[in-house]
Amino acid sequence: MNAITKAQNAYRNDAQLIRTDRDTEYNAFAQITHRLKTYSGRGKEGFRDLVDALHDNRKLWAILVTDVADSANTLPKALRARIAYLSDFTRQHSSKVLMGQATADILIEINTAIMRGLRNERVK
């Protein structure tokens, strides 16, 4: 291993150590949203994988709603209430997707909006 490779590897390890909570949340949303997009367009062929992605999305939202319900959470109350509403909507809409009564498109849109918020991006 040469010096350049060692330096690159050392930098990568330090970069991973400074990942923030927002980065972790963003990455979780990004991975699940990617899976929702990928498998929702595959019909019956991708249904099993879509079920897994929906399940993981529900778990992610359950974690978020638990966090915002904590009295120690510092987010504004109005934002916490919106997150709780979105969590409930996600749970209900996921059931409709599983029953074939809806698509995952709105779930993908919601997750994408959350990702923008985590990156402090404004909708154009």
C-alpha atoms as a PDB file:
ATOM      1  CA  MET A   1       0.000   0.000   0.000  1.00  0.00           C
ATOM      2  CA  ASN A   2       1.459   3.331  -1.023  1.00  0.00           C
ATOM      3  CA  ALA A   3       1.298   6.631   0.830  1.00  0.00           C
ATOM      4  CA  ILE A   4      -1.507   8.045  -1.307  1.00  0.00           C
ATOM      5  CA  THR A   5      -3.728   5.028  -0.663  1.00  0.00           C
ATOM      6  CA  LYS A   6      -3.013   5.232   3.062  1.00  0.00           C
ATOM      7  CA  ALA A   7      -3.890   8.922   3.109  1.00  0.00           C
ATOM      8  CA  GLN A   8      -7.131   8.338   1.180  1.00  0.00           C
ATOM      9  CA  ASN A   9      -8.151   5.531   3.530  1.00  0.00           C
ATOM     10  CA  ALA A  10      -7.376   7.616   6.598  1.00  0.00           C
ATOM     11  CA  TYR A  11      -9.475  10.486   5.246  1.00  0.00           C
ATOM     12  CA  ARG A  12     -12.415   8.179   4.479  1.00  0.00           C
ATOM     13  CA  ASN A  13     -12.428   6.816   8.031  1.00  0.00           C
ATOM     14  CA  ASP A  14     -12.414  10.309   9.565  1.00  0.00           C
ATOM     15  CA  ALA A  15     -15.161  11.475   7.216  1.00  0.00           C
ATOM     16  CA  GLN A  16     -17.383   8.646   8.426  1.00  0.00           C
ATOM     17  CA  LEU A  17     -16.759   9.624  12.051  1.00  0.00           C
ATOM     18  CA  ILE A  18     -18.130  13.130  11.516  1.00  0.00           C
ATOM     19  CA  ARG A  19     -21.454  12.009  10.112  1.00  0.00           C
ATOM     20  CA  THR A  20     -24.263  13.955  11.791  1.00  0.00           C
ATOM     21  CA  ASP A  21     -27.682  12.735  12.917  1.00  0.00           C
ATOM     22  CA  ARG A  22     -29.152  14.596   9.928  1.00  0.00           C
ATOM     23  CA  ASP A  23     -26.781  12.722   7.622  1.00  0.00           C
ATOM     24  CA  THR A  24     -27.854   9.425   9.131  1.00  0.00           C
ATOM     25  CA  GLU A  25     -31.542  10.299   8.760  1.00  0.00           C
ATOM     26  CA  TYR A  26     -30.985  11.507   5.205  1.00  0.00           C
ATOM     27  CA  ASN A  27     -29.185   8.301   4.256  1.00  0.00           C
ATOM     28  CA  ALA A  28     -31.956   6.147   5.745  1.00  0.00           C
ATOM     29  CA  PHE A  29     -34.584   8.076   3.767  1.00  0.00           C
ATOM     30  CA  ALA A  30     -32.460   7.975   0.613  1.00  0.00           C
ATOM     31  CA  GLN A  31     -31.936   4.220   0.736  1.00  0.00           C
ATOM     32  CA  ILE A  32     -35.583   3.422   1.451  1.00  0.00           C
ATOM     33  CA  THR A  33     -36.877   5.929  -1.099  1.00  0.00           C
ATOM     34  CA  HIS A  34     -34.604   4.474  -3.749  1.00  0.00           C
ATOM     35  CA  ARG A  35     -35.999   1.013  -3.017  1.00  0.00           C
ATOM     36  CA  LEU A  36     -39.588   2.292  -3.132  1.00  0.00           C
ATOM     37  CA  LYS A  37     -38.927   3.895  -6.538  1.00  0.00           C
ATOM     38  CA  THR A  38     -37.154   0.845  -7.892  1.00  0.00           C
ATOM     39  CA  TYR A  39     -39.652  -1.795  -6.824  1.00  0.00           C
ATOM     40  CA  SER A  40     -42.895   0.125  -7.260  1.00  0.00           C
ATOM     41  CA  GLY A  41     -42.286   0.206 -10.995  1.00  0.00           C
ATOM     42  CA  ARG A  42     -41.758  -3.542 -11.361  1.00  0.00           C
ATOM     43  CA  GLY A  43     -45.312  -4.741 -10.853  1.00  0.00           C
ATOM     44  CA  LYS A  44     -45.806  -8.283  -9.610  1.00  0.00           C
ATOM     45  CA  GLU A  45     -42.150  -9.005 -10.269  1.00  0.00           C
ATOM     46  CA  GLY A  46     -41.001  -6.488  -7.663  1.00  0.00           C
ATOM     47  CA  PHE A  47     -43.873  -6.846  -5.193  1.00  0.00           C
ATOM     48  CA  ARG A  48     -41.968  -8.865  -2.582  1.00  0.00           C
ATOM     49  CA  ASP A  49     -39.160  -6.291  -2.561  1.00  0.00           C
ATOM     50  CA  LEU A  50     -41.716  -3.463  -2.479  1.00  0.00           C
ATOM     51  CA  VAL A  51     -43.302  -5.057   0.597  1.00  0.00           C
ATOM     52  CA  ASP A  52     -39.900  -5.076   2.304  1.00  0.00           C
ATOM     53  CA  ALA A  53     -39.274  -1.433   1.344  1.00  0.00           C
ATOM     54  CA  LEU A  54     -42.721  -0.406   2.628  1.00  0.00           C
ATOM     55  CA  HIS A  55     -42.055  -2.230   5.880  1.00  0.00           C
ATOM     56  CA  ASP A  56     -38.718  -0.465   6.331  1.00  0.00           C
ATOM     57  CA  ASN A  57     -40.340   2.875   5.482  1.00  0.00           C
ATOM     58  CA  ARG A  58     -42.988   2.285   8.143  1.00  0.00           C
ATOM     59  CA  LYS A  59     -40.294   1.426  10.682  1.00  0.00           C
ATOM     60  CA  LEU A  60     -38.386   4.606   9.829  1.00  0.00           C
ATOM     61  CA  TRP A  61     -41.501   6.727  10.296  1.00  0.00           C
ATOM     62  CA  ALA A  62     -42.304   4.927  13.559  1.00  0.00           C
ATOM     63  CA  ILE A  63     -38.857   5.865  14.840  1.00  0.00           C
ATOM     64  CA  LEU A  64     -39.400   9.481  13.800  1.00  0.00           C
ATOM     65  CA  VAL A  65     -42.815   9.758  15.434  1.00  0.00           C
ATOM     66  CA  THR A  66     -41.441   8.253  18.639  1.00  0.00           C
ATOM     67  CA  ASP A  67     -38.649  10.807  18.600  1.00  0.00           C
ATOM     68  CA  VAL A  68     -40.933  13.813  18.031  1.00  0.00           C
ATOM     69  CA  ALA A  69     -43.330  12.612  20.736  1.00  0.00           C
ATOM     70  CA  ASP A  70     -40.544  12.883  23.298  1.00  0.00           C
ATOM     71  CA  SER A  71     -40.955  16.027  25.405  1.00  0.00           C
ATOM     72  CA  ALA A  72     -37.194  16.593  25.193  1.00  0.00           C
ATOM     73  CA  ASN A  73     -37.384  16.972  21.397  1.00  0.00           C
ATOM     74  CA  THR A  74     -36.334  20.515  20.469  1.00  0.00           C
ATOM     75  CA  LEU A  75     -38.172  20.802  17.161  1.00  0.00           C
ATOM     76  CA  PRO A  76     -41.006  23.337  17.090  1.00  0.00           C
ATOM     77  CA  LYS A  77     -44.355  21.861  18.160  1.00  0.00           C
ATOM     78  CA  ALA A  78     -45.979  22.586  14.786  1.00  0.00           C
ATOM     79  CA  LEU A  79     -43.243  20.689  12.949  1.00  0.00           C
ATOM     80  CA  ARG A  80     -43.481  17.806  15.394  1.00  0.00           C
ATOM     81  CA  ALA A  81     -47.240  17.639  14.781  1.00  0.00           C
ATOM     82  CA  ARG A  82     -46.725  17.581  10.992  1.00  0.00           C
ATOM     83  CA  ILE A  83     -44.203  14.760  11.321  1.00  0.00           C
ATOM     84  CA  ALA A  84     -46.678  12.808  13.464  1.00  0.00           C
ATOM     85  CA  TYR A  85     -49.384  13.369  10.848  1.00  0.00           C
ATOM     86  CA  LEU A  86     -47.077  12.230   8.038  1.00  0.00           C
ATOM     87  CA  SER A  87     -46.153   9.130  10.016  1.00  0.00           C
ATOM     88  CA  ASP A  88     -49.826   8.225  10.413  1.00  0.00           C
ATOM     89  CA  PHE A  89     -50.508   8.962   6.739  1.00  0.00           C
ATOM     90  CA  THR A  90     -47.533   6.836   5.694  1.00  0.00           C
ATOM     91  CA  ARG A  91     -48.781   3.915   7.759  1.00  0.00           C
ATOM     92  CA  GLN A  92     -52.298   4.142   6.325  1.00  0.00           C
ATOM     93  CA  HIS A  93     -51.217   4.708   2.738  1.00  0.00           C
ATOM     94  CA  SER A  94     -48.731   1.832   2.890  1.00  0.00           C
ATOM     95  CA  SER A  95     -51.644  -0.463   3.725  1.00  0.00           C
ATOM     96  CA  LYS A  96     -53.456   0.755   0.606  1.00  0.00           C
ATOM     97  CA  VAL A  97     -50.365   0.083  -1.500  1.00  0.00           C
ATOM     98  CA  LEU A  98     -50.103  -3.432  -0.076  1.00  0.00           C
ATOM     99  CA  MET A  99     -53.765  -4.089  -0.946  1.00  0.00           C
ATOM    100  CA  GLY A 100     -53.248  -2.818  -4.492  1.00  0.00           C
ATOM    101  CA  GLN A 101     -55.514   0.196  -3.923  1.00  0.00           C
ATOM    102  CA  ALA A 102     -52.800   2.849  -4.354  1.00  0.00           C
ATOM    103  CA  THR A 103     -49.282   3.407  -5.619  1.00  0.00           C
ATOM    104  CA  ALA A 104     -46.193   4.292  -3.607  1.00  0.00           C
ATOM    105  CA  ASP A 105     -45.771   7.589  -5.487  1.00  0.00           C
ATOM    106  CA  ILE A 106     -46.983   9.852  -2.661  1.00  0.00           C
ATOM    107  CA  LEU A 107     -44.749   8.026  -0.164  1.00  0.00           C
ATOM    108  CA  ILE A 108     -41.794   8.675  -2.445  1.00  0.00           C
ATOM    109  CA  GLU A 109     -42.779  12.358  -2.695  1.00  0.00           C
ATOM    110  CA  ILE A 110     -43.087  12.709   1.078  1.00  0.00           C
ATOM    111  CA  ASN A 111     -39.726  11.050   1.705  1.00  0.00           C
ATOM    112  CA  THR A 112     -38.105  13.224  -0.960  1.00  0.00           C
ATOM    113  CA  ALA A 113     -39.517  16.357   0.697  1.00  0.00           C
ATOM    114  CA  ILE A 114     -38.138  15.212   4.049  1.00  0.00           C
ATOM    115  CA  MET A 115     -34.748  14.619   2.434  1.00  0.00           C
ATOM    116  CA  ARG A 116     -34.808  18.164   1.022  1.00  0.00           C
ATOM    117  CA  GLY A 117     -35.607  19.480   4.487  1.00  0.00           C
ATOM    118  CA  LEU A 118     -32.740  17.541   5.997  1.00  0.00           C
ATOM    119  CA  ARG A 119     -30.440  19.150   3.416  1.00  0.00           C
ATOM    120  CA  ASN A 120     -32.052  22.575   3.928  1.00  0.00           C
ATOM    121  CA  GLU A 121     -33.072  22.683   0.268  1.00  0.00           C
ATOM    122  CA  ARG A 122     -35.995  24.825  -0.793  1.00  0.00           C
ATOM    123  CA  VAL A 123     -38.623  23.543  -3.215  1.00  0.00           C
ATOM    124  CA  LYS A 124     -38.418  25.546  -6.433  1.00  0.00           C
END
